[in-house]
Amino acid sequence: AILLFSCRDDDVDTPHFEVSVDDTEYKVGDSIIFAFNGQPDMITFYSGESGHEYRYKDRTYAEGARVKLDFISRVLWGSQQNNLSVQVSTDFTGIYDVENVKNATWTDITDRFTLDTSAGGTSGANTPSGEADLTDLTDPEKPFYFSYKYYGQASTPTTQRTWRITAFNMSAVFENGATSTLATLTSAGWIQVDVENPGNQWSLPGTQLQFAPAGATEISEDWAITKPLYPTRVAPDLGVPIKNYSQRLNSYGYKFLASGEYTVTFIGRNVTSAGAKSVVR
């Protein structure tokens, strides 16, 4: 025998839930008490601060982002000049092989950064690149790809050099001042594409990206390319759960640590096996 049954949202009571506050203006650091009338099963709190705005709870893209990048480079040993260049593409297919790298349009932006210029034969020095704005190279409708391209000449009479990237920070900065991390040295998803001389390749040992030529009698061309990066993609804003089924909550206190105007939002929800209903205050 099979027993069939169904549940409807009509079986869930709409929460009785109201929120009041004594005033709408307070000094920074004051304790603000929000008084509750009603006991929904669950209550979620959005303070209205950056990252916690109810209006952005479903947002995954934000307009007006500016892409900023800084990194630290270090060049060691050898004597050749200009082995390393910095490249960006918005039409790379995301297929990490020689054909697709070569068919993509790459913009050389090396001159936007300061690279280590230590003398040949030395152990180099960690050199901050300075922060560069890459916004003009991105398309909000497409992902973009960042790459370090290494090109070493056959070692006659000069020798190929080792390059290390010891820090990498790319972020999106929005009009309201909020920032979103696009990639770090360990989260950029570097993939090595060998074009010439497979004995020499980029590697990511520990906490640095490195090209160290094991043999330098042949031309080396190798790319270290990031995963696709989306400058306008953001995580949805989050609320803070402040009440569950087992609690009784008559009020909630909060302090704002920066001056401004905030839209504070509380979500009261009743949830059963039949479904859920909520009210927004």
C-alpha atoms as a PDB file:
ATOM      1  CA  ALA A   1       0.000   0.000   0.000  1.00  0.00           C
ATOM      2  CA  ILE A   2       1.203   3.513  -0.819  1.00  0.00           C
ATOM      3  CA  LEU A   3       0.115   6.443   1.296  1.00  0.00           C
ATOM      4  CA  LEU A   4       0.116   9.780  -0.510  1.00  0.00           C
ATOM      5  CA  PHE A   5      -0.199  13.154   1.182  1.00  0.00           C
ATOM      6  CA  SER A   6       0.792  16.766   0.512  1.00  0.00           C
ATOM      7  CA  CYS A   7       1.621  19.882   2.484  1.00  0.00           C
ATOM      8  CA  ARG A   8       0.733  23.435   1.565  1.00  0.00           C
ATOM      9  CA  ASP A   9       2.126  26.792   2.627  1.00  0.00           C
ATOM     10  CA  ASP A  10      -1.400  27.437   3.916  1.00  0.00           C
ATOM     11  CA  ASP A  11      -0.487  25.078   6.752  1.00  0.00           C
ATOM     12  CA  VAL A  12       2.219  27.512   7.934  1.00  0.00           C
ATOM     13  CA  ASP A  13       1.221  30.565   9.962  1.00  0.00           C
ATOM     14  CA  THR A  14       2.438  33.959   8.751  1.00  0.00           C
ATOM     15  CA  PRO A  15       4.726  35.263  11.505  1.00  0.00           C
ATOM     16  CA  HIS A  16       3.391  37.885  13.842  1.00  0.00           C
ATOM     17  CA  PHE A  17       6.481  40.048  14.103  1.00  0.00           C
ATOM     18  CA  GLU A  18       6.989  43.765  14.575  1.00  0.00           C
ATOM     19  CA  VAL A  19      10.169  45.723  15.361  1.00  0.00           C
ATOM     20  CA  SER A  20      10.430  49.108  17.049  1.00  0.00           C
ATOM     21  CA  VAL A  21      13.257  51.387  18.139  1.00  0.00           C
ATOM     22  CA  ASP A  22      13.229  54.469  20.362  1.00  0.00           C
ATOM     23  CA  ASP A  23      14.901  56.812  17.886  1.00  0.00           C
ATOM     24  CA  THR A  24      16.330  56.913  14.373  1.00  0.00           C
ATOM     25  CA  GLU A  25      19.500  58.815  15.232  1.00  0.00           C
ATOM     26  CA  TYR A  26      22.267  57.735  17.612  1.00  0.00           C
ATOM     27  CA  LYS A  27      25.881  58.507  18.337  1.00  0.00           C
ATOM     28  CA  VAL A  28      28.594  56.177  17.079  1.00  0.00           C
ATOM     29  CA  GLY A  29      29.135  53.457  19.668  1.00  0.00           C
ATOM     30  CA  ASP A  30      25.717  53.841  21.310  1.00  0.00           C
ATOM     31  CA  SER A  31      23.855  50.643  22.157  1.00  0.00           C
ATOM     32  CA  ILE A  32      20.735  50.587  19.987  1.00  0.00           C
ATOM     33  CA  ILE A  33      17.966  48.314  21.273  1.00  0.00           C
ATOM     34  CA  PHE A  34      15.498  46.921  18.738  1.00  0.00           C
ATOM     35  CA  ALA A  35      12.348  45.717  20.545  1.00  0.00           C
ATOM     36  CA  PHE A  36      10.371  42.773  19.149  1.00  0.00           C
ATOM     37  CA  ASN A  37       6.669  42.072  19.302  1.00  0.00           C
ATOM     38  CA  GLY A  38       5.991  38.472  18.341  1.00  0.00           C
ATOM     39  CA  GLN A  39       8.051  35.281  18.333  1.00  0.00           C
ATOM     40  CA  PRO A  40       8.710  33.912  14.839  1.00  0.00           C
ATOM     41  CA  ASP A  41      10.598  30.619  14.669  1.00  0.00           C
ATOM     42  CA  MET A  42      13.715  32.321  13.313  1.00  0.00           C
ATOM     43  CA  ILE A  43      15.001  35.885  13.011  1.00  0.00           C
ATOM     44  CA  THR A  44      17.797  37.093  10.722  1.00  0.00           C
ATOM     45  CA  PHE A  45      19.437  40.504  11.114  1.00  0.00           C
ATOM     46  CA  TYR A  46      20.925  42.712   8.375  1.00  0.00           C
ATOM     47  CA  SER A  47      22.735  45.716   9.860  1.00  0.00           C
ATOM     48  CA  GLY A  48      22.770  47.742   6.627  1.00  0.00           C
ATOM     49  CA  GLU A  49      26.560  47.990   6.730  1.00  0.00           C
ATOM     50  CA  SER A  50      28.672  47.065   3.714  1.00  0.00           C
ATOM     51  CA  GLY A  51      28.377  43.319   3.128  1.00  0.00           C
ATOM     52  CA  HIS A  52      25.226  43.114   5.265  1.00  0.00           C
ATOM     53  CA  GLU A  53      22.566  44.975   3.270  1.00  0.00           C
ATOM     54  CA  TYR A  54      19.265  43.197   2.761  1.00  0.00           C
ATOM     55  CA  ARG A  55      18.789  44.749  -0.677  1.00  0.00           C
ATOM     56  CA  TYR A  56      21.903  42.898  -1.871  1.00  0.00           C
ATOM     57  CA  LYS A  57      21.054  39.469  -0.415  1.00  0.00           C
ATOM     58  CA  ASP A  58      20.621  37.965  -3.903  1.00  0.00           C
ATOM     59  CA  ARG A  59      23.208  40.068  -5.741  1.00  0.00           C
ATOM     60  CA  THR A  60      26.027  38.229  -7.503  1.00  0.00           C
ATOM     61  CA  TYR A  61      27.217  41.058  -9.777  1.00  0.00           C
ATOM     62  CA  ALA A  62      27.915  44.710  -9.011  1.00  0.00           C
ATOM     63  CA  GLU A  63      28.576  47.523 -11.449  1.00  0.00           C
ATOM     64  CA  GLY A  64      31.326  50.097 -11.277  1.00  0.00           C
ATOM     65  CA  ALA A  65      34.175  47.884 -10.103  1.00  0.00           C
ATOM     66  CA  ARG A  66      37.745  49.018 -10.620  1.00  0.00           C
ATOM     67  CA  VAL A  67      40.337  46.253 -10.865  1.00  0.00           C
ATOM     68  CA  LYS A  68      43.530  46.867  -8.888  1.00  0.00           C
ATOM     69  CA  LEU A  69      46.654  44.700  -8.825  1.00  0.00           C
ATOM     70  CA  ASP A  70      49.964  44.698  -7.018  1.00  0.00           C
ATOM     71  CA  PHE A  71      52.575  41.964  -6.696  1.00  0.00           C
ATOM     72  CA  ILE A  72      56.174  41.393  -5.619  1.00  0.00           C
ATOM     73  CA  SER A  73      58.818  40.118  -8.038  1.00  0.00           C
ATOM     74  CA  ARG A  74      62.366  38.924  -7.653  1.00  0.00           C
ATOM     75  CA  VAL A  75      64.922  38.067 -10.354  1.00  0.00           C
ATOM     76  CA  LEU A  76      67.945  35.871  -9.663  1.00  0.00           C
ATOM     77  CA  TRP A  77      71.133  34.648 -11.320  1.00  0.00           C
ATOM     78  CA  GLY A  78      71.602  34.731 -15.090  1.00  0.00           C
ATOM     79  CA  SER A  79      72.154  37.883 -17.099  1.00  0.00           C
ATOM     80  CA  GLN A  80      69.473  38.217 -19.799  1.00  0.00           C
ATOM     81  CA  GLN A  81      67.201  41.240 -19.845  1.00  0.00           C
ATOM     82  CA  ASN A  82      63.410  41.305 -20.164  1.00  0.00           C
ATOM     83  CA  ASN A  83      62.727  37.586 -19.715  1.00  0.00           C
ATOM     84  CA  LEU A  84      59.434  38.355 -17.961  1.00  0.00           C
ATOM     85  CA  SER A  85      56.351  40.154 -19.267  1.00  0.00           C
ATOM     86  CA  VAL A  86      52.855  40.704 -17.881  1.00  0.00           C
ATOM     87  CA  GLN A  87      49.851  39.938 -20.112  1.00  0.00           C
ATOM     88  CA  VAL A  88      46.035  40.231 -19.987  1.00  0.00           C
ATOM     89  CA  SER A  89      43.383  38.732 -22.290  1.00  0.00           C
ATOM     90  CA  THR A  90      39.586  38.869 -22.475  1.00  0.00           C
ATOM     91  CA  ASP A  91      39.222  36.497 -25.427  1.00  0.00           C
ATOM     92  CA  PHE A  92      41.327  33.568 -24.240  1.00  0.00           C
ATOM     93  CA  THR A  93      39.121  30.471 -24.472  1.00  0.00           C
ATOM     94  CA  GLY A  94      40.131  29.011 -21.137  1.00  0.00           C
ATOM     95  CA  ILE A  95      41.633  25.991 -22.891  1.00  0.00           C
ATOM     96  CA  TYR A  96      45.171  25.884 -21.573  1.00  0.00           C
ATOM     97  CA  ASP A  97      47.163  24.651 -24.542  1.00  0.00           C
ATOM     98  CA  VAL A  98      49.618  26.220 -26.981  1.00  0.00           C
ATOM     99  CA  GLU A  99      47.117  26.714 -29.804  1.00  0.00           C
ATOM    100  CA  ASN A 100      44.589  28.562 -27.683  1.00  0.00           C
ATOM    101  CA  VAL A 101      47.208  30.700 -25.953  1.00  0.00           C
ATOM    102  CA  LYS A 102      48.623  31.729 -29.329  1.00  0.00           C
ATOM    103  CA  ASN A 103      45.193  32.445 -30.843  1.00  0.00           C
ATOM    104  CA  ALA A 104      44.133  34.715 -27.976  1.00  0.00           C
ATOM    105  CA  THR A 105      44.673  38.472 -27.953  1.00  0.00           C
ATOM    106  CA  TRP A 106      47.091  39.345 -25.162  1.00  0.00           C
ATOM    107  CA  THR A 107      47.834  42.911 -24.081  1.00  0.00           C
ATOM    108  CA  ASP A 108      51.326  43.499 -22.711  1.00  0.00           C
ATOM    109  CA  ILE A 109      51.016  45.651 -19.575  1.00  0.00           C
ATOM    110  CA  THR A 110      54.515  45.146 -18.197  1.00  0.00           C
ATOM    111  CA  ASP A 111      55.174  48.881 -18.232  1.00  0.00           C
ATOM    112  CA  ARG A 112      52.432  49.454 -15.660  1.00  0.00           C
ATOM    113  CA  PHE A 113      54.517  47.753 -12.989  1.00  0.00           C
ATOM    114  CA  THR A 114      57.929  47.979 -11.390  1.00  0.00           C
ATOM    115  CA  LEU A 115      59.857  44.708 -11.741  1.00  0.00           C
ATOM    116  CA  ASP A 116      63.017  43.707  -9.932  1.00  0.00           C
ATOM    117  CA  THR A 117      66.081  44.940 -11.834  1.00  0.00           C
ATOM    118  CA  SER A 118      68.798  43.302  -9.727  1.00  0.00           C
ATOM    119  CA  ALA A 119      72.099  42.795 -11.502  1.00  0.00           C
ATOM    120  CA  GLY A 120      72.851  39.528 -13.257  1.00  0.00           C
ATOM    121  CA  GLY A 121      74.409  36.815 -11.162  1.00  0.00           C
ATOM    122  CA  THR A 122      72.893  38.065  -7.899  1.00  0.00           C
ATOM    123  CA  SER A 123      70.168  36.642  -5.664  1.00  0.00           C
ATOM    124  CA  GLY A 124      67.869  39.589  -6.381  1.00  0.00           C
ATOM    125  CA  ALA A 125      65.568  41.552  -4.095  1.00  0.00           C
ATOM    126  CA  ASN A 126      61.837  41.370  -3.422  1.00  0.00           C
ATOM    127  CA  THR A 127      60.468  44.369  -5.327  1.00  0.00           C
ATOM    128  CA  PRO A 128      56.919  45.747  -4.913  1.00  0.00           C
ATOM    129  CA  SER A 129      55.306  46.393  -8.296  1.00  0.00           C
ATOM    130  CA  GLY A 130      53.209  49.324  -7.166  1.00  0.00           C
ATOM    131  CA  GLU A 131      49.417  49.234  -7.544  1.00  0.00           C
ATOM    132  CA  ALA A 132      48.070  49.381 -11.116  1.00  0.00           C
ATOM    133  CA  ASP A 133      44.513  49.939 -12.328  1.00  0.00           C
ATOM    134  CA  LEU A 134      43.514  47.316 -14.915  1.00  0.00           C
ATOM    135  CA  THR A 135      39.898  48.386 -15.361  1.00  0.00           C
ATOM    136  CA  ASP A 136      40.404  49.571 -18.943  1.00  0.00           C
ATOM    137  CA  LEU A 137      41.503  46.051 -19.924  1.00  0.00           C
ATOM    138  CA  THR A 138      38.420  44.261 -18.619  1.00  0.00           C
ATOM    139  CA  ASP A 139      34.919  43.711 -19.998  1.00  0.00           C
ATOM    140  CA  PRO A 140      32.098  43.457 -17.421  1.00  0.00           C
ATOM    141  CA  GLU A 141      30.382  40.903 -19.639  1.00  0.00           C
ATOM    142  CA  LYS A 142      33.393  38.590 -19.922  1.00  0.00           C
ATOM    143  CA  PRO A 143      35.966  36.939 -17.709  1.00  0.00           C
ATOM    144  CA  PHE A 144      39.549  38.035 -18.135  1.00  0.00           C
ATOM    145  CA  TYR A 145      42.820  36.140 -17.739  1.00  0.00           C
ATOM    146  CA  PHE A 146      46.103  37.366 -16.305  1.00  0.00           C
ATOM    147  CA  SER A 147      49.434  35.805 -17.228  1.00  0.00           C
ATOM    148  CA  TYR A 148      53.146  35.962 -16.599  1.00  0.00           C
ATOM    149  CA  LYS A 149      54.958  35.133 -19.825  1.00  0.00           C
ATOM    150  CA  TYR A 150      58.558  33.984 -19.670  1.00  0.00           C
ATOM    151  CA  TYR A 151      60.723  34.166 -22.774  1.00  0.00           C
ATOM    152  CA  GLY A 152      64.358  33.160 -22.549  1.00  0.00           C
ATOM    153  CA  GLN A 153      66.821  33.317 -25.404  1.00  0.00           C
ATOM    154  CA  ALA A 154      69.243  30.490 -26.100  1.00  0.00           C
ATOM    155  CA  SER A 155      72.148  31.132 -23.737  1.00  0.00           C
ATOM    156  CA  THR A 156      74.663  32.693 -26.078  1.00  0.00           C
ATOM    157  CA  PRO A 157      76.335  34.756 -24.710  1.00  0.00           C
ATOM    158  CA  THR A 158      73.873  35.706 -21.925  1.00  0.00           C
ATOM    159  CA  THR A 159      72.037  33.279 -19.655  1.00  0.00           C
ATOM    160  CA  GLN A 160      68.378  32.926 -18.759  1.00  0.00           C
ATOM    161  CA  ARG A 161      67.287  34.158 -15.337  1.00  0.00           C
ATOM    162  CA  THR A 162      65.087  32.828 -12.547  1.00  0.00           C
ATOM    163  CA  TRP A 163      61.972  34.825 -11.716  1.00  0.00           C
ATOM    164  CA  ARG A 164      59.917  34.549  -8.536  1.00  0.00           C
ATOM    165  CA  ILE A 165      56.555  36.126  -7.744  1.00  0.00           C
ATOM    166  CA  THR A 166      56.324  36.139  -3.959  1.00  0.00           C
ATOM    167  CA  ALA A 167      53.054  38.061  -3.491  1.00  0.00           C
ATOM    168  CA  PHE A 168      50.039  38.717  -5.710  1.00  0.00           C
ATOM    169  CA  ASN A 169      46.907  40.659  -4.789  1.00  0.00           C
ATOM    170  CA  MET A 170      44.148  41.476  -7.268  1.00  0.00           C
ATOM    171  CA  SER A 171      40.924  43.078  -6.060  1.00  0.00           C
ATOM    172  CA  ALA A 172      37.786  44.782  -7.307  1.00  0.00           C
ATOM    173  CA  VAL A 173      37.066  48.150  -5.680  1.00  0.00           C
ATOM    174  CA  PHE A 174      33.461  49.342  -5.883  1.00  0.00           C
ATOM    175  CA  GLU A 175      31.984  52.828  -5.865  1.00  0.00           C
ATOM    176  CA  ASN A 176      30.853  52.520  -2.240  1.00  0.00           C
ATOM    177  CA  GLY A 177      34.404  51.704  -1.163  1.00  0.00           C
ATOM    178  CA  ALA A 178      33.768  47.997  -0.690  1.00  0.00           C
ATOM    179  CA  THR A 179      36.401  45.607  -2.009  1.00  0.00           C
ATOM    180  CA  SER A 180      36.232  42.047  -3.271  1.00  0.00           C
ATOM    181  CA  THR A 181      39.302  39.826  -3.624  1.00  0.00           C
ATOM    182  CA  LEU A 182      39.600  38.475  -7.172  1.00  0.00           C
ATOM    183  CA  ALA A 183      42.804  36.493  -6.745  1.00  0.00           C
ATOM    184  CA  THR A 184      45.795  35.974  -4.505  1.00  0.00           C
ATOM    185  CA  LEU A 185      49.004  34.103  -5.173  1.00  0.00           C
ATOM    186  CA  THR A 186      47.500  30.871  -3.878  1.00  0.00           C
ATOM    187  CA  SER A 187      43.922  31.311  -5.162  1.00  0.00           C
ATOM    188  CA  ALA A 188      44.606  32.518  -8.716  1.00  0.00           C
ATOM    189  CA  GLY A 189      44.533  28.971 -10.094  1.00  0.00           C
ATOM    190  CA  TRP A 190      47.771  29.248 -12.065  1.00  0.00           C
ATOM    191  CA  ILE A 191      48.104  26.837 -14.980  1.00  0.00           C
ATOM    192  CA  GLN A 192      51.416  26.377 -16.792  1.00  0.00           C
ATOM    193  CA  VAL A 193      51.443  26.284 -20.607  1.00  0.00           C
ATOM    194  CA  ASP A 194      54.750  25.241 -22.162  1.00  0.00           C
ATOM    195  CA  VAL A 195      55.374  26.598 -25.670  1.00  0.00           C
ATOM    196  CA  GLU A 196      59.071  25.876 -26.100  1.00  0.00           C
ATOM    197  CA  ASN A 197      61.571  23.802 -24.103  1.00  0.00           C
ATOM    198  CA  PRO A 198      59.420  21.467 -21.939  1.00  0.00           C
ATOM    199  CA  GLY A 199      62.321  20.999 -19.534  1.00  0.00           C
ATOM    200  CA  ASN A 200      61.704  24.509 -18.212  1.00  0.00           C
ATOM    201  CA  GLN A 201      58.326  25.309 -16.679  1.00  0.00           C
ATOM    202  CA  TRP A 202      56.579  27.560 -14.192  1.00  0.00           C
ATOM    203  CA  SER A 203      55.974  26.045 -10.785  1.00  0.00           C
ATOM    204  CA  LEU A 204      54.168  27.044  -7.612  1.00  0.00           C
ATOM    205  CA  PRO A 205      56.293  25.637  -4.800  1.00  0.00           C
ATOM    206  CA  GLY A 206      54.924  26.676  -1.433  1.00  0.00           C
ATOM    207  CA  THR A 207      53.982  30.351  -1.427  1.00  0.00           C
ATOM    208  CA  GLN A 208      55.706  31.628  -4.558  1.00  0.00           C
ATOM    209  CA  LEU A 209      55.269  31.354  -8.317  1.00  0.00           C
ATOM    210  CA  GLN A 210      58.629  30.557  -9.911  1.00  0.00           C
ATOM    211  CA  PHE A 211      60.321  30.049 -13.250  1.00  0.00           C
ATOM    212  CA  ALA A 212      63.768  28.516 -12.735  1.00  0.00           C
ATOM    213  CA  PRO A 213      65.421  27.363 -15.985  1.00  0.00           C
ATOM    214  CA  ALA A 214      66.957  23.936 -15.487  1.00  0.00           C
ATOM    215  CA  GLY A 215      68.647  24.174 -18.872  1.00  0.00           C
ATOM    216  CA  ALA A 216      69.273  27.339 -20.842  1.00  0.00           C
ATOM    217  CA  THR A 217      70.886  26.243 -24.097  1.00  0.00           C
ATOM    218  CA  GLU A 218      67.502  26.392 -25.890  1.00  0.00           C
ATOM    219  CA  ILE A 219      64.823  29.050 -26.198  1.00  0.00           C
ATOM    220  CA  SER A 220      62.235  28.890 -23.410  1.00  0.00           C
ATOM    221  CA  GLU A 221      58.686  30.213 -23.737  1.00  0.00           C
ATOM    222  CA  ASP A 222      56.278  29.440 -20.930  1.00  0.00           C
ATOM    223  CA  TRP A 223      53.083  31.026 -19.642  1.00  0.00           C
ATOM    224  CA  ALA A 224      51.559  30.952 -16.158  1.00  0.00           C
ATOM    225  CA  ILE A 225      47.872  31.860 -16.599  1.00  0.00           C
ATOM    226  CA  THR A 226      45.187  32.427 -13.969  1.00  0.00           C
ATOM    227  CA  LYS A 227      41.746  30.900 -13.832  1.00  0.00           C
ATOM    228  CA  PRO A 228      38.982  33.086 -15.365  1.00  0.00           C
ATOM    229  CA  LEU A 229      38.507  36.231 -13.259  1.00  0.00           C
ATOM    230  CA  TYR A 230      35.240  38.171 -13.039  1.00  0.00           C
ATOM    231  CA  PRO A 231      35.723  41.800 -11.952  1.00  0.00           C
ATOM    232  CA  THR A 232      32.037  42.469 -11.253  1.00  0.00           C
ATOM    233  CA  ARG A 233      31.223  39.202  -9.477  1.00  0.00           C
ATOM    234  CA  VAL A 234      30.540  39.555  -5.758  1.00  0.00           C
ATOM    235  CA  ALA A 235      29.263  37.357  -2.972  1.00  0.00           C
ATOM    236  CA  PRO A 236      25.679  38.075  -1.864  1.00  0.00           C
ATOM    237  CA  ASP A 237      25.363  40.156   1.295  1.00  0.00           C
ATOM    238  CA  LEU A 238      24.771  38.072   4.404  1.00  0.00           C
ATOM    239  CA  GLY A 239      22.426  38.372   7.332  1.00  0.00           C
ATOM    240  CA  VAL A 240      23.201  37.180  10.855  1.00  0.00           C
ATOM    241  CA  PRO A 241      20.900  34.556  12.428  1.00  0.00           C
ATOM    242  CA  ILE A 242      19.964  35.842  15.894  1.00  0.00           C
ATOM    243  CA  LYS A 243      17.100  33.494  16.878  1.00  0.00           C
ATOM    244  CA  ASN A 244      16.214  29.853  16.288  1.00  0.00           C
ATOM    245  CA  TYR A 245      13.299  27.638  17.323  1.00  0.00           C
ATOM    246  CA  SER A 246      14.502  27.006  20.872  1.00  0.00           C
ATOM    247  CA  GLN A 247      15.064  30.655  21.796  1.00  0.00           C
ATOM    248  CA  ARG A 248      12.773  33.376  22.999  1.00  0.00           C
ATOM    249  CA  LEU A 249      14.018  36.817  21.985  1.00  0.00           C
ATOM    250  CA  ASN A 250      12.291  40.048  23.001  1.00  0.00           C
ATOM    251  CA  SER A 251      14.951  42.492  21.796  1.00  0.00           C
ATOM    252  CA  TYR A 252      18.303  42.783  20.074  1.00  0.00           C
ATOM    253  CA  GLY A 253      21.142  45.233  20.750  1.00  0.00           C
ATOM    254  CA  TYR A 254      23.641  46.544  18.220  1.00  0.00           C
ATOM    255  CA  LYS A 255      26.379  49.204  17.997  1.00  0.00           C
ATOM    256  CA  PHE A 256      27.495  50.993  14.834  1.00  0.00           C
ATOM    257  CA  LEU A 257      31.193  51.869  14.840  1.00  0.00           C
ATOM    258  CA  ALA A 258      31.129  54.294  11.893  1.00  0.00           C
ATOM    259  CA  SER A 259      28.877  57.250  11.190  1.00  0.00           C
ATOM    260  CA  GLY A 260      26.407  56.951   8.335  1.00  0.00           C
ATOM    261  CA  GLU A 261      22.833  56.184   7.400  1.00  0.00           C
ATOM    262  CA  TYR A 262      21.875  52.503   7.658  1.00  0.00           C
ATOM    263  CA  THR A 263      18.780  50.580   6.642  1.00  0.00           C
ATOM    264  CA  VAL A 264      18.436  47.901   9.314  1.00  0.00           C
ATOM    265  CA  THR A 265      16.386  44.855   8.315  1.00  0.00           C
ATOM    266  CA  PHE A 266      14.975  41.931  10.302  1.00  0.00           C
ATOM    267  CA  ILE A 267      13.480  38.822   8.688  1.00  0.00           C
ATOM    268  CA  GLY A 268      11.018  36.831  10.781  1.00  0.00           C
ATOM    269  CA  ARG A 269      10.330  33.289   9.534  1.00  0.00           C
ATOM    270  CA  ASN A 270       8.058  30.464  10.489  1.00  0.00           C
ATOM    271  CA  VAL A 271       9.225  27.108   9.152  1.00  0.00           C
ATOM    272  CA  THR A 272       7.596  23.673   9.340  1.00  0.00           C
ATOM    273  CA  SER A 273       7.667  20.527   7.248  1.00  0.00           C
ATOM    274  CA  ALA A 274       4.806  22.099   5.295  1.00  0.00           C
ATOM    275  CA  GLY A 275       6.905  25.055   4.130  1.00  0.00           C
ATOM    276  CA  ALA A 276       7.917  28.506   5.262  1.00  0.00           C
ATOM    277  CA  LYS A 277       6.567  32.024   5.490  1.00  0.00           C
ATOM    278  CA  SER A 278       8.437  35.209   6.324  1.00  0.00           C
ATOM    279  CA  VAL A 279       7.923  38.900   6.948  1.00  0.00           C
ATOM    280  CA  VAL A 280      10.452  41.702   6.429  1.00  0.00           C
ATOM    281  CA  ARG A 281      10.717  44.577   8.886  1.00  0.00           C
END
